[in-house]
Amino acid sequence: MAWVFMDLEMKPVDRQFRRQWDICRQEVIEFGAVKLGEDLAEIDSFRPGTSGSRASPTRW
């Protein structure tokens, strides 16, 4: 059996975006994952590049 672990880096949503804040108080700004085998050795990993920009909450 393999195990997959995800790592989510989050930051608070500004309260000025009240509708979005009511739905989710945190937004994911970066994520990664690692797949481990039965012996807990790393089989594969995923970490996308970041562009330094994020979608505007007003587009939700």
N, C-alpha and C. Protein backbone atom coordinates (compact mmCIF):
# COMPACT_ATOMS: atom_id res chain seq x y z
N MET A 1 0.84 -1.18 0.00
CA MET A 1 0.00 0.00 0.00
C MET A 1 0.89 1.24 0.00
N ALA A 2 0.49 2.23 -0.76
CA ALA A 2 1.21 3.50 -0.80
C ALA A 2 0.43 4.55 -0.02
N TRP A 3 1.14 5.54 0.50
CA TRP A 3 0.54 6.64 1.24
C TRP A 3 0.79 7.94 0.48
N VAL A 4 -0.20 8.80 0.44
CA VAL A 4 -0.05 10.12 -0.19
C VAL A 4 -0.33 11.18 0.87
N PHE A 5 0.61 12.08 1.05
CA PHE A 5 0.47 13.17 2.00
C PHE A 5 0.44 14.49 1.24
N MET A 6 -0.51 15.33 1.58
CA MET A 6 -0.62 16.65 0.96
C MET A 6 -0.26 17.71 1.98
N ASP A 7 0.40 18.75 1.50
CA ASP A 7 0.78 19.89 2.34
C ASP A 7 0.14 21.14 1.74
N LEU A 8 -0.69 21.80 2.52
CA LEU A 8 -1.37 23.01 2.06
C LEU A 8 -0.85 24.20 2.86
N GLU A 9 -0.35 25.21 2.15
CA GLU A 9 0.03 26.45 2.82
C GLU A 9 -1.13 27.42 2.62
N MET A 10 -1.61 27.95 3.73
CA MET A 10 -2.81 28.77 3.67
C MET A 10 -2.57 30.13 4.32
N LYS A 11 -3.41 31.08 3.94
CA LYS A 11 -3.37 32.39 4.58
C LYS A 11 -4.80 32.87 4.76
N PRO A 12 -5.04 33.72 5.75
CA PRO A 12 -6.40 34.20 6.00
C PRO A 12 -6.92 35.06 4.85
N VAL A 13 -8.21 34.94 4.59
CA VAL A 13 -8.89 35.81 3.62
C VAL A 13 -9.21 37.11 4.35
N ASP A 14 -8.93 38.23 3.71
CA ASP A 14 -9.20 39.54 4.30
C ASP A 14 -10.70 39.69 4.54
N ARG A 15 -11.07 40.20 5.69
CA ARG A 15 -12.49 40.36 6.04
C ARG A 15 -13.23 41.33 5.13
N GLN A 16 -12.52 42.12 4.37
CA GLN A 16 -13.21 43.03 3.45
C GLN A 16 -13.96 42.25 2.36
N PHE A 17 -13.55 41.02 2.12
CA PHE A 17 -14.23 40.14 1.16
C PHE A 17 -15.20 39.27 1.96
N ARG A 18 -16.22 39.88 2.52
CA ARG A 18 -17.13 39.25 3.48
C ARG A 18 -17.77 37.97 2.95
N ARG A 19 -18.26 37.99 1.72
CA ARG A 19 -18.93 36.80 1.17
C ARG A 19 -17.97 35.63 1.11
N GLN A 20 -16.76 35.87 0.64
CA GLN A 20 -15.76 34.81 0.56
C GLN A 20 -15.33 34.37 1.95
N TRP A 21 -15.22 35.32 2.89
CA TRP A 21 -14.79 35.01 4.25
C TRP A 21 -15.82 34.13 4.94
N ASP A 22 -17.12 34.33 4.66
CA ASP A 22 -18.17 33.49 5.24
C ASP A 22 -18.07 32.05 4.75
N ILE A 23 -17.59 31.85 3.54
CA ILE A 23 -17.47 30.51 2.96
C ILE A 23 -16.21 29.80 3.45
N CYS A 24 -15.11 30.51 3.41
CA CYS A 24 -13.82 29.90 3.76
C CYS A 24 -12.90 30.98 4.30
N ARG A 25 -12.49 30.87 5.53
CA ARG A 25 -11.67 31.91 6.15
C ARG A 25 -10.20 31.82 5.77
N GLN A 26 -9.81 30.77 5.11
CA GLN A 26 -8.43 30.59 4.67
C GLN A 26 -8.41 30.30 3.18
N GLU A 27 -7.38 30.74 2.50
CA GLU A 27 -7.21 30.39 1.10
C GLU A 27 -5.89 29.66 0.92
N VAL A 28 -5.88 28.70 0.03
CA VAL A 28 -4.67 27.94 -0.27
C VAL A 28 -3.81 28.78 -1.19
N ILE A 29 -2.57 29.02 -0.80
CA ILE A 29 -1.67 29.81 -1.64
C ILE A 29 -0.56 28.96 -2.24
N GLU A 30 -0.36 27.76 -1.69
CA GLU A 30 0.65 26.85 -2.25
C GLU A 30 0.33 25.45 -1.75
N PHE A 31 0.64 24.45 -2.55
CA PHE A 31 0.41 23.08 -2.11
C PHE A 31 1.47 22.16 -2.68
N GLY A 32 1.60 21.02 -2.07
CA GLY A 32 2.54 20.01 -2.52
C GLY A 32 2.05 18.65 -2.05
N ALA A 33 2.66 17.60 -2.56
CA ALA A 33 2.28 16.25 -2.16
C ALA A 33 3.49 15.33 -2.28
N VAL A 34 3.46 14.26 -1.51
CA VAL A 34 4.50 13.25 -1.59
C VAL A 34 3.83 11.88 -1.48
N LYS A 35 4.32 10.93 -2.26
CA LYS A 35 3.81 9.55 -2.23
C LYS A 35 4.90 8.68 -1.62
N LEU A 36 4.51 7.93 -0.57
CA LEU A 36 5.45 7.06 0.14
C LEU A 36 5.03 5.61 0.00
N GLY A 37 6.01 4.73 -0.10
CA GLY A 37 5.73 3.30 -0.18
C GLY A 37 5.53 2.70 1.21
N GLU A 38 5.35 1.39 1.26
CA GLU A 38 5.12 0.69 2.54
C GLU A 38 6.27 0.88 3.51
N ASP A 39 7.49 1.02 2.98
CA ASP A 39 8.67 1.22 3.83
C ASP A 39 8.90 2.70 4.14
N LEU A 40 7.93 3.54 3.76
CA LEU A 40 7.94 4.99 3.95
C LEU A 40 9.04 5.69 3.15
N ALA A 41 9.56 5.02 2.13
CA ALA A 41 10.51 5.66 1.22
C ALA A 41 9.72 6.46 0.19
N GLU A 42 10.26 7.61 -0.18
CA GLU A 42 9.58 8.47 -1.15
C GLU A 42 9.56 7.83 -2.53
N ILE A 43 8.37 7.72 -3.10
CA ILE A 43 8.20 7.17 -4.44
C ILE A 43 8.13 8.31 -5.46
N ASP A 44 7.39 9.34 -5.11
CA ASP A 44 7.18 10.46 -6.03
C ASP A 44 6.79 11.69 -5.22
N SER A 45 6.93 12.87 -5.82
CA SER A 45 6.50 14.09 -5.16
C SER A 45 6.00 15.08 -6.20
N PHE A 46 5.25 16.05 -5.72
CA PHE A 46 4.68 17.07 -6.59
C PHE A 46 4.72 18.40 -5.86
N ARG A 47 5.27 19.41 -6.50
CA ARG A 47 5.27 20.76 -5.96
C ARG A 47 5.28 21.71 -7.16
N PRO A 48 4.14 22.31 -7.45
CA PRO A 48 4.07 23.19 -8.61
C PRO A 48 4.87 24.47 -8.39
N GLY A 49 5.29 25.07 -9.47
CA GLY A 49 5.95 26.37 -9.37
C GLY A 49 4.93 27.43 -8.99
N THR A 50 5.39 28.50 -8.39
CA THR A 50 4.48 29.58 -8.03
C THR A 50 4.81 30.80 -8.85
N SER A 51 3.78 31.53 -9.22
CA SER A 51 3.97 32.71 -10.05
C SER A 51 4.04 33.99 -9.24
N GLY A 52 3.70 33.92 -7.95
CA GLY A 52 3.72 35.09 -7.13
C GLY A 52 2.46 35.92 -7.20
N SER A 53 1.50 35.49 -8.00
CA SER A 53 0.23 36.21 -8.08
C SER A 53 -0.88 35.26 -7.69
N ARG A 54 -2.04 35.82 -7.39
CA ARG A 54 -3.18 34.99 -7.03
C ARG A 54 -4.43 35.57 -7.64
N ALA A 55 -5.46 34.74 -7.74
CA ALA A 55 -6.72 35.18 -8.32
C ALA A 55 -7.37 36.20 -7.40
N SER A 56 -8.08 37.11 -7.97
CA SER A 56 -8.80 38.11 -7.19
C SER A 56 -10.03 37.48 -6.56
N PRO A 57 -10.26 37.65 -5.25
CA PRO A 57 -11.44 37.09 -4.60
C PRO A 57 -12.75 37.59 -5.19
N THR A 58 -12.72 38.74 -5.85
CA THR A 58 -13.96 39.28 -6.41
C THR A 58 -14.44 38.45 -7.59
N ARG A 59 -13.62 37.56 -8.13
CA ARG A 59 -14.02 36.73 -9.26
C ARG A 59 -14.72 35.45 -8.81
N TRP A 60 -14.85 35.20 -7.50
CA TRP A 60 -15.47 33.97 -7.00
C TRP A 60 -16.93 33.97 -7.29
